């Protein structure tokens, strides 16, 4: 099943599931899913941009909290055991620990915009023992900025209907002041 067909079939749940699964560490094309969902919405008007935003936001926050929890509970052991398979050695774990100790919220916020870091930032934050009360606000604000709030014209309850295009010369003269 293609990503387009998956989104057309499952809509908001597809966006939520893809973003949620990517956030704790499964490399999936969640950015591409958002772009396809937006294009599908613009083309068919079967989905709402505001609800796509909400699904992506909820998925990002949920998935990151799962990744943080996994990292916090057993991430260091997992990283030591399987890290070399993804080029994550002891030296890189120490660098991650230093970065999260000194710049944790900034790394979490901006990590949302860097493809590989987006997938592993929450796990590494938990592994590095970052405090959850520091992680959560950075996670939520990064997810809001990443999911891309809808255009004000697309807020719930407002319909976007473009002005009809007229091919009548009299209509054009009216706008030119003639």
Protein backbone atom coordinates (compact mmCIF):
# COMPACT_ATOMS: atom_id res chain seq x y z
CA UNK A 1 0.00 0.00 0.00
CA UNK A 2 1.42 3.38 -0.96
CA UNK A 3 1.62 6.24 1.50
CA UNK A 4 -0.94 8.22 -0.54
CA UNK A 5 -3.41 5.34 -0.49
CA UNK A 6 -2.82 4.81 3.24
CA UNK A 7 -3.67 8.46 3.95
CA UNK A 8 -6.65 8.43 1.58
CA UNK A 9 -7.98 5.29 3.28
CA UNK A 10 -7.33 6.09 6.94
CA UNK A 11 -7.09 9.89 6.95
CA UNK A 12 -6.29 11.47 10.29
CA UNK A 13 -5.54 8.11 11.91
CA UNK A 14 -2.85 7.48 9.29
CA UNK A 15 -1.16 10.80 10.06
CA UNK A 16 -1.40 10.16 13.81
CA UNK A 17 -0.05 6.59 13.49
CA UNK A 18 2.89 7.50 11.23
CA UNK A 19 3.98 10.45 13.37
CA UNK A 20 3.51 8.51 16.62
CA UNK A 21 5.53 5.54 15.33
CA UNK A 22 8.36 7.70 14.01
CA UNK A 23 8.81 9.76 17.16
CA UNK A 24 10.02 6.99 19.51
CA UNK A 25 12.58 5.71 17.02
CA UNK A 26 11.03 3.90 14.04
CA UNK A 27 12.29 5.66 10.90
CA UNK A 28 9.11 6.43 8.95
CA UNK A 29 8.29 9.22 6.48
CA UNK A 30 6.12 11.37 8.75
CA UNK A 31 7.10 14.64 7.03
CA UNK A 32 6.14 13.15 3.69
CA UNK A 33 2.87 11.95 5.22
CA UNK A 34 2.05 15.52 6.31
CA UNK A 35 2.80 16.87 2.85
CA UNK A 36 0.69 14.17 1.18
CA UNK A 37 -2.16 14.73 3.65
CA UNK A 38 -2.07 18.48 2.95
CA UNK A 39 -2.05 17.89 -0.81
CA UNK A 40 -4.88 15.37 -0.49
CA UNK A 41 -6.84 17.88 1.58
CA UNK A 42 -6.31 20.65 -0.93
CA UNK A 43 -7.25 18.44 -3.86
CA UNK A 44 -10.25 16.53 -2.50
CA UNK A 45 -11.42 18.61 0.50
CA UNK A 46 -12.11 15.31 2.33
CA UNK A 47 -9.87 16.19 5.26
CA UNK A 48 -9.46 19.32 7.36
CA UNK A 49 -6.08 21.02 7.64
CA UNK A 50 -6.80 21.88 11.26
CA UNK A 51 -7.51 18.27 12.18
CA UNK A 52 -4.40 17.10 10.28
CA UNK A 53 -2.42 19.59 12.39
CA UNK A 54 -4.04 18.26 15.57
CA UNK A 55 -3.36 14.63 14.57
CA UNK A 56 0.29 15.39 13.77
CA UNK A 57 0.70 17.36 17.00
CA UNK A 58 -0.91 14.61 19.11
CA UNK A 59 1.18 11.95 17.36
CA UNK A 60 4.43 13.86 17.83
CA UNK A 61 3.85 14.50 21.53
CA UNK A 62 2.60 10.95 22.19
CA UNK A 63 5.42 9.28 20.26
CA UNK A 64 8.10 11.45 21.84
CA UNK A 65 6.81 10.68 25.32
CA UNK A 66 6.91 6.97 24.52
CA UNK A 67 10.47 7.34 23.23
CA UNK A 68 11.46 9.34 26.30
CA UNK A 69 9.96 6.70 28.60
CA UNK A 70 11.74 3.85 26.76
CA UNK A 71 15.01 5.78 26.93
CA UNK A 72 14.52 6.59 30.59
CA UNK A 73 13.65 3.03 31.63
CA UNK A 74 16.24 1.05 29.68
CA UNK A 75 17.71 3.22 26.98
CA UNK A 76 21.28 3.14 28.15
CA UNK A 77 21.34 -0.68 28.18
CA UNK A 78 19.69 -0.79 24.75
CA UNK A 79 22.08 1.81 23.35
CA UNK A 80 25.10 -0.07 24.72
CA UNK A 81 23.88 -3.38 23.32
CA UNK A 82 22.49 -2.34 19.92
CA UNK A 83 24.02 1.10 19.45
CA UNK A 84 27.01 -0.06 17.40
CA UNK A 85 24.59 -1.41 14.76
CA UNK A 86 23.45 2.19 14.14
CA UNK A 87 26.89 3.77 14.79
CA UNK A 88 26.06 4.83 18.34
CA UNK A 89 29.09 4.03 20.46
CA UNK A 90 30.06 4.95 24.04
CA UNK A 91 31.74 8.19 22.93
CA UNK A 92 28.57 9.40 21.17
CA UNK A 93 26.46 8.47 24.20
CA UNK A 94 28.72 10.64 26.38
CA UNK A 95 28.37 13.52 23.90
CA UNK A 96 24.58 13.09 23.95
CA UNK A 97 24.58 13.10 27.74
CA UNK A 98 26.60 16.33 27.77
CA UNK A 99 24.33 17.98 25.17
CA UNK A 100 21.14 17.05 27.01
CA UNK A 101 22.61 18.11 30.37
CA UNK A 102 23.63 21.54 29.11
CA UNK A 103 21.22 22.28 26.22
CA UNK A 104 18.43 19.71 26.68
CA UNK A 105 15.31 21.75 25.86
CA UNK A 106 17.03 23.39 22.88
CA UNK A 107 18.14 20.02 21.49
CA UNK A 108 14.63 18.59 21.92
CA UNK A 109 12.98 21.62 20.28
CA UNK A 110 15.31 21.89 17.28
CA UNK A 111 15.70 18.13 17.02
CA UNK A 112 12.13 18.06 15.73
CA UNK A 113 13.36 19.74 12.51
CA UNK A 114 16.37 17.50 11.81
CA UNK A 115 15.37 14.20 10.22
CA UNK A 116 17.58 11.68 12.04
CA UNK A 117 17.54 13.60 15.32
CA UNK A 118 13.72 13.81 15.21
CA UNK A 119 13.59 10.03 15.23
CA UNK A 120 15.98 9.58 18.19
CA UNK A 121 15.92 12.82 20.21
CA UNK A 122 13.26 11.69 22.70
CA UNK A 123 14.95 8.32 23.23
CA UNK A 124 18.33 10.00 23.73
CA UNK A 125 16.80 12.57 26.09
CA UNK A 126 15.44 9.75 28.25
CA UNK A 127 18.68 7.80 28.00
CA UNK A 128 20.62 10.91 29.05
CA UNK A 129 18.39 11.24 32.12
CA UNK A 130 16.95 14.59 31.12
CA UNK A 131 14.19 15.59 33.52
CA UNK A 132 10.68 15.08 32.12
CA UNK A 133 9.52 18.52 33.36
CA UNK A 134 12.26 20.05 31.15
CA UNK A 135 11.58 17.68 28.25
CA UNK A 136 7.80 18.11 27.95
CA UNK A 137 7.55 21.88 27.25
CA UNK A 138 10.33 21.70 24.64
CA UNK A 139 8.68 18.64 23.11
CA UNK A 140 5.26 20.29 22.85
CA UNK A 141 6.51 23.63 21.47
CA UNK A 142 8.74 21.83 18.96
CA UNK A 143 5.84 19.63 17.87
CA UNK A 144 3.57 22.65 17.42
CA UNK A 145 6.13 24.43 15.27
CA UNK A 146 6.93 21.27 13.30
CA UNK A 147 3.34 20.21 12.62
CA UNK A 148 2.74 23.64 11.13
CA UNK A 149 -0.31 25.38 12.49
CA UNK A 150 -3.00 25.83 9.90
CA UNK A 151 -3.39 29.05 7.96
CA UNK A 152 -5.85 31.41 9.73
CA UNK A 153 -8.28 31.01 6.84
CA UNK A 154 -8.39 27.29 7.55
CA UNK A 155 -9.39 27.44 11.20
CA UNK A 156 -12.31 25.28 12.34
CA UNK A 157 -15.68 26.65 11.38
CA UNK A 158 -14.35 28.75 8.51
CA UNK A 159 -14.76 27.70 4.91
CA UNK A 160 -12.22 28.65 2.32
CA UNK A 161 -14.01 29.39 -0.91
CA UNK A 162 -11.99 31.18 -3.56
CA UNK A 163 -13.58 34.04 -5.45
CA UNK A 164 -15.08 32.87 -8.74
CA UNK A 165 -13.08 33.81 -11.80
CA UNK A 166 -15.07 35.81 -14.29
CA UNK A 167 -14.26 35.94 -17.96
CA UNK A 168 -16.71 38.77 -18.58
CA UNK A 169 -15.02 42.02 -19.73
CA UNK A 170 -17.54 44.16 -17.87
CA UNK A 171 -16.45 42.62 -14.57
CA UNK A 172 -12.79 43.38 -15.30
CA UNK A 173 -13.53 47.02 -16.16
CA UNK A 174 -15.21 47.45 -12.79
CA UNK A 175 -11.98 46.46 -10.97
CA UNK A 176 -9.79 48.69 -13.15
CA UNK A 177 -11.91 51.68 -12.32
CA UNK A 178 -13.25 52.03 -15.86
